[in-house]
N, C-alpha and C. Protein backbone atom coordinates (compact mmCIF):
# COMPACT_ATOMS: atom_id res chain seq x y z
N MET A 1 37.35 31.02 40.74
CA MET A 1 38.78 30.92 40.61
C MET A 1 39.10 30.29 39.26
N HIS A 2 40.12 30.76 38.61
CA HIS A 2 40.52 30.26 37.30
C HIS A 2 41.15 28.88 37.46
N PRO A 3 40.79 27.90 36.60
CA PRO A 3 41.32 26.55 36.73
C PRO A 3 42.84 26.45 36.60
N GLY A 4 43.47 27.40 35.94
CA GLY A 4 44.92 27.38 35.82
C GLY A 4 45.64 27.54 37.14
N PHE A 5 44.94 28.09 38.12
CA PHE A 5 45.54 28.31 39.43
C PHE A 5 45.72 27.00 40.19
N PHE A 6 44.94 25.96 39.86
CA PHE A 6 45.04 24.70 40.57
C PHE A 6 46.41 24.05 40.36
N GLY A 7 46.96 24.18 39.16
CA GLY A 7 48.29 23.64 38.91
C GLY A 7 49.35 24.32 39.76
N TYR A 8 49.22 25.63 39.94
CA TYR A 8 50.14 26.38 40.79
C TYR A 8 50.03 25.89 42.23
N TRP A 9 48.82 25.70 42.70
CA TRP A 9 48.62 25.21 44.07
C TRP A 9 49.24 23.84 44.26
N LYS A 10 49.02 22.95 43.30
CA LYS A 10 49.55 21.60 43.40
C LYS A 10 51.08 21.64 43.47
N HIS A 11 51.70 22.49 42.63
CA HIS A 11 53.15 22.61 42.65
C HIS A 11 53.64 23.14 44.00
N ALA A 12 52.98 24.14 44.54
CA ALA A 12 53.38 24.72 45.82
C ALA A 12 53.25 23.70 46.94
N ARG A 13 52.20 22.90 46.92
CA ARG A 13 52.02 21.87 47.96
C ARG A 13 53.11 20.82 47.86
N ARG A 14 53.44 20.40 46.62
CA ARG A 14 54.51 19.41 46.45
C ARG A 14 55.84 19.95 46.96
N GLN A 15 56.13 21.22 46.65
CA GLN A 15 57.39 21.82 47.08
C GLN A 15 57.46 21.88 48.60
N ALA A 16 56.38 22.28 49.24
CA ALA A 16 56.36 22.33 50.71
C ALA A 16 56.54 20.95 51.30
N TRP A 17 55.93 19.96 50.67
CA TRP A 17 56.05 18.60 51.17
C TRP A 17 57.48 18.09 51.02
N ARG A 18 58.10 18.38 49.86
CA ARG A 18 59.49 17.98 49.65
C ARG A 18 60.41 18.61 50.69
N GLU A 19 60.24 19.90 50.91
CA GLU A 19 61.09 20.60 51.87
C GLU A 19 60.89 20.06 53.28
N ALA A 20 59.68 19.71 53.62
CA ALA A 20 59.42 19.15 54.94
C ALA A 20 60.10 17.80 55.09
N ARG A 21 60.08 16.98 54.02
CA ARG A 21 60.70 15.66 54.07
C ARG A 21 62.22 15.76 54.13
N GLU A 22 62.79 16.76 53.49
CA GLU A 22 64.25 16.88 53.44
C GLU A 22 64.82 17.73 54.57
N GLY A 23 63.96 18.22 55.43
CA GLY A 23 64.47 18.94 56.58
C GLY A 23 64.66 20.42 56.40
N CYS A 24 64.20 20.99 55.33
CA CYS A 24 64.27 22.43 55.19
C CYS A 24 62.86 22.97 55.10
N GLY A 25 62.71 24.23 55.14
CA GLY A 25 61.37 24.79 55.15
C GLY A 25 60.91 24.99 56.59
N PRO A 26 59.73 25.45 56.81
CA PRO A 26 59.29 25.80 58.14
C PRO A 26 59.15 24.61 59.08
N TRP A 27 59.04 23.36 58.54
CA TRP A 27 58.80 22.21 59.41
C TRP A 27 60.08 21.43 59.68
N GLY A 28 61.15 21.73 58.98
CA GLY A 28 62.36 20.93 59.08
C GLY A 28 63.20 21.29 60.29
N HIS A 29 64.19 20.42 60.57
CA HIS A 29 65.07 20.63 61.72
C HIS A 29 66.52 20.83 61.31
N HIS A 30 66.80 20.84 60.02
CA HIS A 30 68.19 20.91 59.56
C HIS A 30 68.57 22.26 58.99
N GLY A 31 67.77 23.25 59.17
CA GLY A 31 68.09 24.56 58.63
C GLY A 31 67.62 24.71 57.20
N HIS A 32 67.82 25.88 56.66
CA HIS A 32 67.34 26.18 55.31
C HIS A 32 68.47 25.97 54.33
N HIS A 33 68.21 25.17 53.29
CA HIS A 33 69.22 24.89 52.29
C HIS A 33 69.00 25.66 51.00
N GLY A 34 67.97 26.46 50.94
CA GLY A 34 67.67 27.21 49.72
C GLY A 34 66.77 26.42 48.79
N HIS A 35 66.00 27.12 48.02
CA HIS A 35 65.08 26.46 47.10
C HIS A 35 65.81 26.03 45.85
N GLY A 36 65.39 24.90 45.30
CA GLY A 36 65.93 24.44 44.03
C GLY A 36 67.21 23.65 44.14
N HIS A 37 67.71 23.36 45.36
CA HIS A 37 68.95 22.63 45.53
C HIS A 37 68.71 21.26 46.14
N HIS A 38 67.57 20.67 45.83
CA HIS A 38 67.21 19.38 46.42
C HIS A 38 67.33 18.30 45.38
N GLU A 39 67.78 17.13 45.82
CA GLU A 39 67.78 15.99 44.92
C GLU A 39 66.39 15.40 44.90
N HIS A 40 66.04 14.78 43.80
CA HIS A 40 64.74 14.14 43.67
C HIS A 40 64.86 12.69 44.12
N HIS A 41 64.10 12.32 45.15
CA HIS A 41 64.13 10.97 45.66
C HIS A 41 62.77 10.30 45.58
N GLY A 42 61.94 10.69 44.64
CA GLY A 42 60.64 10.06 44.49
C GLY A 42 59.57 10.61 45.41
N GLU A 43 59.79 11.79 45.98
CA GLU A 43 58.83 12.33 46.91
C GLU A 43 57.50 12.66 46.25
N ASP A 44 57.54 13.05 44.96
CA ASP A 44 56.30 13.37 44.27
C ASP A 44 55.35 12.19 44.27
N GLU A 45 55.91 11.00 44.01
CA GLU A 45 55.06 9.83 43.95
C GLU A 45 54.42 9.56 45.31
N GLY A 46 55.19 9.66 46.38
CA GLY A 46 54.65 9.44 47.72
C GLY A 46 53.60 10.47 48.08
N TYR A 47 53.84 11.71 47.72
CA TYR A 47 52.88 12.77 48.03
C TYR A 47 51.57 12.52 47.30
N GLU A 48 51.68 12.22 46.00
CA GLU A 48 50.47 12.05 45.22
C GLU A 48 49.70 10.82 45.64
N ALA A 49 50.40 9.75 45.97
CA ALA A 49 49.69 8.56 46.40
C ALA A 49 48.99 8.79 47.74
N SER A 50 49.64 9.53 48.65
CA SER A 50 49.02 9.74 49.95
C SER A 50 47.94 10.81 49.92
N HIS A 51 47.97 11.70 48.95
CA HIS A 51 46.99 12.77 48.89
C HIS A 51 46.00 12.60 47.74
N GLY A 52 46.11 11.53 46.97
CA GLY A 52 45.12 11.22 45.97
C GLY A 52 45.13 12.07 44.72
N ASP A 53 46.24 12.71 44.40
CA ASP A 53 46.26 13.54 43.21
C ASP A 53 46.11 12.72 41.93
N ARG A 54 46.70 11.54 41.90
CA ARG A 54 46.59 10.70 40.70
C ARG A 54 45.84 9.41 40.97
N HIS A 55 45.76 9.00 42.21
CA HIS A 55 45.22 7.69 42.52
C HIS A 55 43.96 7.82 43.36
N GLY A 56 42.96 8.49 42.86
CA GLY A 56 41.73 8.67 43.61
C GLY A 56 40.74 7.58 43.31
N GLY A 57 39.84 7.35 44.22
CA GLY A 57 38.77 6.41 43.98
C GLY A 57 37.56 7.17 43.50
N GLY A 58 36.55 6.45 43.15
CA GLY A 58 35.27 7.06 42.83
C GLY A 58 35.31 8.06 41.69
N VAL A 59 35.93 7.71 40.61
CA VAL A 59 36.02 8.63 39.49
C VAL A 59 34.81 8.46 38.61
N LEU A 60 34.14 9.52 38.33
CA LEU A 60 32.96 9.49 37.48
C LEU A 60 33.21 10.38 36.28
N PHE A 61 32.89 9.91 35.11
CA PHE A 61 33.18 10.62 33.87
C PHE A 61 34.68 10.86 33.74
N GLY A 62 35.50 10.07 34.42
CA GLY A 62 36.93 10.12 34.23
C GLY A 62 37.66 11.27 34.89
N VAL A 63 37.00 12.12 35.64
CA VAL A 63 37.65 13.20 36.36
C VAL A 63 37.16 13.21 37.78
N ARG A 64 37.90 13.84 38.68
CA ARG A 64 37.56 13.81 40.09
C ARG A 64 36.38 14.70 40.43
N ARG A 65 36.24 15.81 39.77
CA ARG A 65 35.14 16.73 40.03
C ARG A 65 34.41 16.98 38.71
N PRO A 66 33.63 16.01 38.27
CA PRO A 66 33.06 16.12 36.93
C PRO A 66 32.11 17.29 36.76
N LEU A 67 31.31 17.61 37.76
CA LEU A 67 30.35 18.71 37.61
C LEU A 67 31.07 20.04 37.43
N ARG A 68 32.02 20.32 38.30
CA ARG A 68 32.77 21.58 38.20
C ARG A 68 33.56 21.65 36.90
N PHE A 69 34.20 20.55 36.55
CA PHE A 69 35.00 20.49 35.34
C PHE A 69 34.13 20.72 34.11
N MET A 70 33.02 20.00 34.02
CA MET A 70 32.15 20.14 32.85
C MET A 70 31.50 21.51 32.80
N ALA A 71 31.12 22.04 33.96
CA ALA A 71 30.51 23.37 33.99
C ALA A 71 31.48 24.41 33.44
N HIS A 72 32.75 24.28 33.79
CA HIS A 72 33.74 25.24 33.30
C HIS A 72 34.03 25.03 31.82
N LYS A 73 34.33 23.80 31.43
CA LYS A 73 34.74 23.52 30.05
C LYS A 73 33.61 23.77 29.05
N LEU A 74 32.37 23.45 29.45
CA LEU A 74 31.24 23.60 28.53
C LEU A 74 30.53 24.94 28.68
N GLU A 75 30.99 25.76 29.64
CA GLU A 75 30.40 27.07 29.90
C GLU A 75 28.89 26.94 30.14
N LEU A 76 28.53 26.10 31.12
CA LEU A 76 27.13 25.84 31.43
C LEU A 76 26.54 26.99 32.24
N ASP A 77 25.26 27.25 32.05
CA ASP A 77 24.57 28.23 32.88
C ASP A 77 24.04 27.53 34.13
N GLU A 78 23.46 28.29 35.05
CA GLU A 78 23.02 27.74 36.34
C GLU A 78 21.98 26.63 36.18
N THR A 79 21.02 26.80 35.27
CA THR A 79 20.00 25.79 35.06
C THR A 79 20.63 24.50 34.55
N GLN A 80 21.55 24.61 33.61
CA GLN A 80 22.23 23.44 33.07
C GLN A 80 23.06 22.74 34.14
N ILE A 81 23.68 23.51 35.01
CA ILE A 81 24.48 22.93 36.09
C ILE A 81 23.59 22.12 37.02
N GLN A 82 22.42 22.63 37.35
CA GLN A 82 21.49 21.90 38.22
C GLN A 82 21.02 20.60 37.57
N ILE A 83 20.70 20.67 36.29
CA ILE A 83 20.26 19.47 35.58
C ILE A 83 21.40 18.45 35.53
N LEU A 84 22.60 18.91 35.20
CA LEU A 84 23.75 18.01 35.13
C LEU A 84 24.05 17.39 36.49
N ALA A 85 23.88 18.15 37.56
CA ALA A 85 24.10 17.61 38.90
C ALA A 85 23.16 16.44 39.17
N HIS A 86 21.91 16.55 38.76
CA HIS A 86 20.95 15.45 38.94
C HIS A 86 21.33 14.25 38.08
N ILE A 87 21.76 14.51 36.86
CA ILE A 87 22.17 13.43 35.96
C ILE A 87 23.35 12.67 36.55
N LEU A 88 24.37 13.39 37.00
CA LEU A 88 25.56 12.75 37.56
C LEU A 88 25.25 12.02 38.85
N ASP A 89 24.35 12.57 39.65
CA ASP A 89 23.96 11.92 40.90
C ASP A 89 23.26 10.59 40.62
N ASP A 90 22.35 10.59 39.66
CA ASP A 90 21.66 9.35 39.30
C ASP A 90 22.64 8.30 38.78
N LEU A 91 23.58 8.74 37.96
CA LEU A 91 24.58 7.82 37.41
C LEU A 91 25.50 7.29 38.52
N LYS A 92 25.87 8.14 39.43
CA LYS A 92 26.71 7.72 40.55
C LYS A 92 26.01 6.68 41.41
N THR A 93 24.71 6.88 41.64
CA THR A 93 23.94 5.92 42.43
C THR A 93 23.89 4.57 41.73
N GLU A 94 23.66 4.57 40.44
CA GLU A 94 23.59 3.31 39.70
C GLU A 94 24.93 2.60 39.68
N ARG A 95 26.01 3.36 39.57
CA ARG A 95 27.34 2.73 39.59
C ARG A 95 27.65 2.15 40.96
N ALA A 96 27.21 2.80 42.01
CA ALA A 96 27.40 2.25 43.36
C ALA A 96 26.63 0.95 43.51
N GLN A 97 25.41 0.90 42.98
CA GLN A 97 24.62 -0.33 43.03
C GLN A 97 25.30 -1.43 42.23
N ALA A 98 25.88 -1.09 41.10
CA ALA A 98 26.60 -2.07 40.29
C ALA A 98 27.79 -2.65 41.06
N ALA A 99 28.45 -1.82 41.84
CA ALA A 99 29.58 -2.30 42.65
C ALA A 99 29.09 -3.28 43.72
N VAL A 100 27.94 -2.99 44.32
CA VAL A 100 27.36 -3.90 45.32
C VAL A 100 27.00 -5.22 44.64
N ASP A 101 26.38 -5.14 43.47
CA ASP A 101 26.02 -6.36 42.74
C ASP A 101 27.24 -7.18 42.37
N GLU A 102 28.33 -6.52 42.04
CA GLU A 102 29.57 -7.21 41.70
C GLU A 102 30.07 -8.02 42.90
N ARG A 103 30.03 -7.40 44.09
CA ARG A 103 30.46 -8.13 45.30
C ARG A 103 29.53 -9.31 45.59
N ARG A 104 28.23 -9.13 45.39
CA ARG A 104 27.28 -10.23 45.60
C ARG A 104 27.54 -11.37 44.62
N SER A 105 27.81 -11.02 43.38
CA SER A 105 28.06 -12.07 42.39
C SER A 105 29.33 -12.85 42.71
N LEU A 106 30.34 -12.14 43.21
CA LEU A 106 31.57 -12.83 43.61
C LEU A 106 31.30 -13.81 44.75
N GLY A 107 30.43 -13.41 45.67
CA GLY A 107 30.06 -14.30 46.76
C GLY A 107 29.36 -15.55 46.25
N ALA A 108 28.46 -15.39 45.30
CA ALA A 108 27.76 -16.54 44.72
C ALA A 108 28.73 -17.44 43.95
N LEU A 109 29.66 -16.84 43.21
CA LEU A 109 30.64 -17.64 42.48
C LEU A 109 31.56 -18.40 43.44
N ALA A 110 31.95 -17.75 44.51
CA ALA A 110 32.78 -18.43 45.51
C ALA A 110 32.01 -19.57 46.16
N ALA A 111 30.73 -19.36 46.43
CA ALA A 111 29.90 -20.40 47.05
C ALA A 111 29.75 -21.60 46.12
N SER A 112 29.81 -21.38 44.82
CA SER A 112 29.68 -22.51 43.89
C SER A 112 30.88 -23.45 43.95
N LEU A 113 31.97 -23.00 44.53
CA LEU A 113 33.18 -23.82 44.62
C LEU A 113 33.38 -24.47 45.97
N GLU A 114 32.50 -24.21 46.93
CA GLU A 114 32.73 -24.66 48.30
C GLU A 114 32.43 -26.13 48.55
N GLY A 115 31.45 -26.70 47.92
CA GLY A 115 31.03 -28.07 48.22
C GLY A 115 31.90 -29.13 47.58
N ASP A 116 31.47 -30.39 47.78
CA ASP A 116 32.18 -31.51 47.16
C ASP A 116 31.95 -31.53 45.66
N ALA A 117 30.77 -31.02 45.24
CA ALA A 117 30.45 -30.95 43.81
C ALA A 117 30.31 -29.48 43.42
N PHE A 118 30.54 -29.21 42.16
CA PHE A 118 30.40 -27.85 41.66
C PHE A 118 28.96 -27.38 41.81
N GLY A 119 28.75 -26.20 42.38
CA GLY A 119 27.41 -25.65 42.58
C GLY A 119 26.97 -24.86 41.37
N ALA A 120 26.44 -25.54 40.38
CA ALA A 120 26.04 -24.89 39.12
C ALA A 120 24.97 -23.84 39.36
N ASP A 121 24.04 -24.11 40.27
CA ASP A 121 22.97 -23.14 40.54
C ASP A 121 23.53 -21.84 41.09
N LYS A 122 24.46 -21.95 42.03
CA LYS A 122 25.08 -20.74 42.61
C LYS A 122 25.88 -19.98 41.55
N ALA A 123 26.61 -20.70 40.72
CA ALA A 123 27.41 -20.05 39.67
C ALA A 123 26.50 -19.33 38.69
N ASN A 124 25.43 -19.99 38.27
CA ASN A 124 24.50 -19.35 37.35
C ASN A 124 23.81 -18.15 37.98
N GLU A 125 23.52 -18.24 39.27
CA GLU A 125 22.90 -17.12 39.99
C GLU A 125 23.85 -15.91 40.02
N GLY A 126 25.12 -16.16 40.32
CA GLY A 126 26.11 -15.08 40.35
C GLY A 126 26.33 -14.45 38.98
N LEU A 127 26.38 -15.29 37.96
CA LEU A 127 26.59 -14.76 36.60
C LEU A 127 25.37 -14.02 36.09
N ALA A 128 24.17 -14.50 36.43
CA ALA A 128 22.95 -13.81 36.03
C ALA A 128 22.87 -12.43 36.70
N LEU A 129 23.32 -12.35 37.95
CA LEU A 129 23.33 -11.07 38.66
C LEU A 129 24.26 -10.08 37.96
N ARG A 130 25.39 -10.56 37.48
CA ARG A 130 26.32 -9.69 36.75
C ARG A 130 25.70 -9.17 35.47
N VAL A 131 25.02 -10.02 34.75
CA VAL A 131 24.40 -9.62 33.49
C VAL A 131 23.30 -8.59 33.75
N LYS A 132 22.46 -8.85 34.75
CA LYS A 132 21.37 -7.93 35.08
C LYS A 132 21.92 -6.58 35.53
N SER A 133 22.98 -6.59 36.31
CA SER A 133 23.60 -5.35 36.76
C SER A 133 24.19 -4.58 35.59
N ALA A 134 24.84 -5.27 34.67
CA ALA A 134 25.43 -4.61 33.50
C ALA A 134 24.33 -3.99 32.63
N GLU A 135 23.21 -4.66 32.51
CA GLU A 135 22.10 -4.12 31.72
C GLU A 135 21.53 -2.86 32.37
N ARG A 136 21.39 -2.88 33.70
CA ARG A 136 20.91 -1.68 34.40
C ARG A 136 21.89 -0.53 34.25
N LEU A 137 23.16 -0.81 34.35
CA LEU A 137 24.18 0.23 34.19
C LEU A 137 24.18 0.78 32.77
N ARG A 138 24.04 -0.09 31.78
CA ARG A 138 23.96 0.35 30.39
C ARG A 138 22.78 1.29 30.20
N ALA A 139 21.63 0.93 30.78
CA ALA A 139 20.43 1.77 30.67
C ALA A 139 20.65 3.11 31.36
N ALA A 140 21.34 3.11 32.48
CA ALA A 140 21.60 4.36 33.21
C ALA A 140 22.54 5.27 32.43
N VAL A 141 23.57 4.71 31.81
CA VAL A 141 24.50 5.51 31.02
C VAL A 141 23.79 6.07 29.80
N TYR A 142 22.97 5.24 29.15
CA TYR A 142 22.21 5.71 28.00
C TYR A 142 21.29 6.87 28.40
N ASP A 143 20.59 6.71 29.52
CA ASP A 143 19.69 7.76 30.00
C ASP A 143 20.47 9.04 30.31
N ALA A 144 21.66 8.89 30.93
CA ALA A 144 22.48 10.06 31.24
C ALA A 144 22.92 10.78 29.97
N LEU A 145 23.32 10.01 28.95
CA LEU A 145 23.72 10.62 27.69
C LEU A 145 22.55 11.34 27.02
N GLU A 146 21.40 10.70 27.04
CA GLU A 146 20.22 11.29 26.40
C GLU A 146 19.79 12.58 27.11
N ARG A 147 19.78 12.56 28.43
CA ARG A 147 19.40 13.76 29.19
C ARG A 147 20.43 14.87 29.03
N THR A 148 21.72 14.49 28.98
CA THR A 148 22.78 15.49 28.79
C THR A 148 22.66 16.12 27.40
N PHE A 149 22.42 15.30 26.40
CA PHE A 149 22.24 15.81 25.04
C PHE A 149 21.09 16.81 24.99
N ALA A 150 19.99 16.49 25.65
CA ALA A 150 18.80 17.35 25.60
C ALA A 150 19.03 18.71 26.24
N MET A 151 19.87 18.78 27.25
CA MET A 151 20.04 20.07 27.94
C MET A 151 21.16 20.94 27.38
N LEU A 152 22.01 20.37 26.52
CA LEU A 152 23.13 21.14 25.98
C LEU A 152 22.75 21.85 24.68
N ARG A 153 23.41 22.99 24.46
CA ARG A 153 23.30 23.68 23.19
C ARG A 153 24.22 22.99 22.18
N PRO A 154 24.00 23.20 20.88
CA PRO A 154 24.81 22.50 19.86
C PRO A 154 26.32 22.69 20.03
N GLU A 155 26.78 23.91 20.35
CA GLU A 155 28.22 24.11 20.51
C GLU A 155 28.75 23.39 21.74
N GLN A 156 27.92 23.26 22.79
CA GLN A 156 28.32 22.53 23.98
C GLN A 156 28.39 21.03 23.69
N ARG A 157 27.46 20.53 22.90
CA ARG A 157 27.48 19.12 22.51
C ARG A 157 28.76 18.81 21.73
N SER A 158 29.14 19.72 20.87
CA SER A 158 30.34 19.53 20.09
C SER A 158 31.58 19.47 20.99
N LYS A 159 31.65 20.36 21.98
CA LYS A 159 32.78 20.35 22.92
C LYS A 159 32.81 19.06 23.73
N LEU A 160 31.62 18.63 24.20
CA LEU A 160 31.55 17.40 24.99
C LEU A 160 31.96 16.20 24.15
N SER A 161 31.52 16.16 22.92
CA SER A 161 31.90 15.07 22.01
C SER A 161 33.41 15.04 21.81
N TYR A 162 34.01 16.20 21.63
CA TYR A 162 35.46 16.28 21.46
C TYR A 162 36.17 15.79 22.72
N MET A 163 35.68 16.21 23.90
CA MET A 163 36.33 15.78 25.15
C MET A 163 36.25 14.27 25.33
N LEU A 164 35.14 13.66 24.93
CA LEU A 164 35.02 12.21 25.02
C LEU A 164 35.96 11.51 24.04
N ARG A 165 36.02 12.01 22.82
CA ARG A 165 36.89 11.41 21.81
C ARG A 165 38.36 11.54 22.16
N SER A 166 38.74 12.66 22.72
CA SER A 166 40.15 12.92 23.02
C SER A 166 40.60 12.28 24.33
N GLY A 167 39.65 11.78 25.12
CA GLY A 167 40.01 11.14 26.37
C GLY A 167 40.04 12.06 27.57
N VAL A 168 39.68 13.32 27.40
CA VAL A 168 39.63 14.25 28.53
C VAL A 168 38.58 13.78 29.52
N LEU A 169 37.47 13.28 29.00
CA LEU A 169 36.40 12.68 29.82
C LEU A 169 36.19 11.25 29.37
N THR A 170 35.82 10.41 30.30
CA THR A 170 35.44 9.04 29.97
C THR A 170 34.13 8.72 30.65
N ILE A 171 33.39 7.83 30.06
CA ILE A 171 32.11 7.43 30.65
C ILE A 171 32.22 5.97 31.03
């Protein structure tokens, strides 16, 4: 399916949602008022927040579906898609571990404040965990960049570089 069609789908879903909220359309109880005669009451924001169009969690490389997006934009072949899937999976796993480490470090920092005296050992333990986690994540991102560079053709590298610089993708 062509990526341009996704915008059409999103618009159609928003319109159906608006009509349902305002009582027209197939789900409403107030009859049909015609298309295009509705006032805007912020329904787009509610729809997107409840359906995750703009406020999704777990964003990797700055987009919701990085493999599909990159495969389309960089015109990857099947072998490249498989390699990229492994790269993104490894990076996703490391980022999940970093999130766990972040929660553990917060627990150690909170424990340093519980007693009558400041718990320097607990604070240092929590901060050391953060540093170690950041170093592991740095190594994982570096490895992902190196592996991605190795599997791309020069014109694909140029496109990926442009997407990173322009903010289309983030790491």
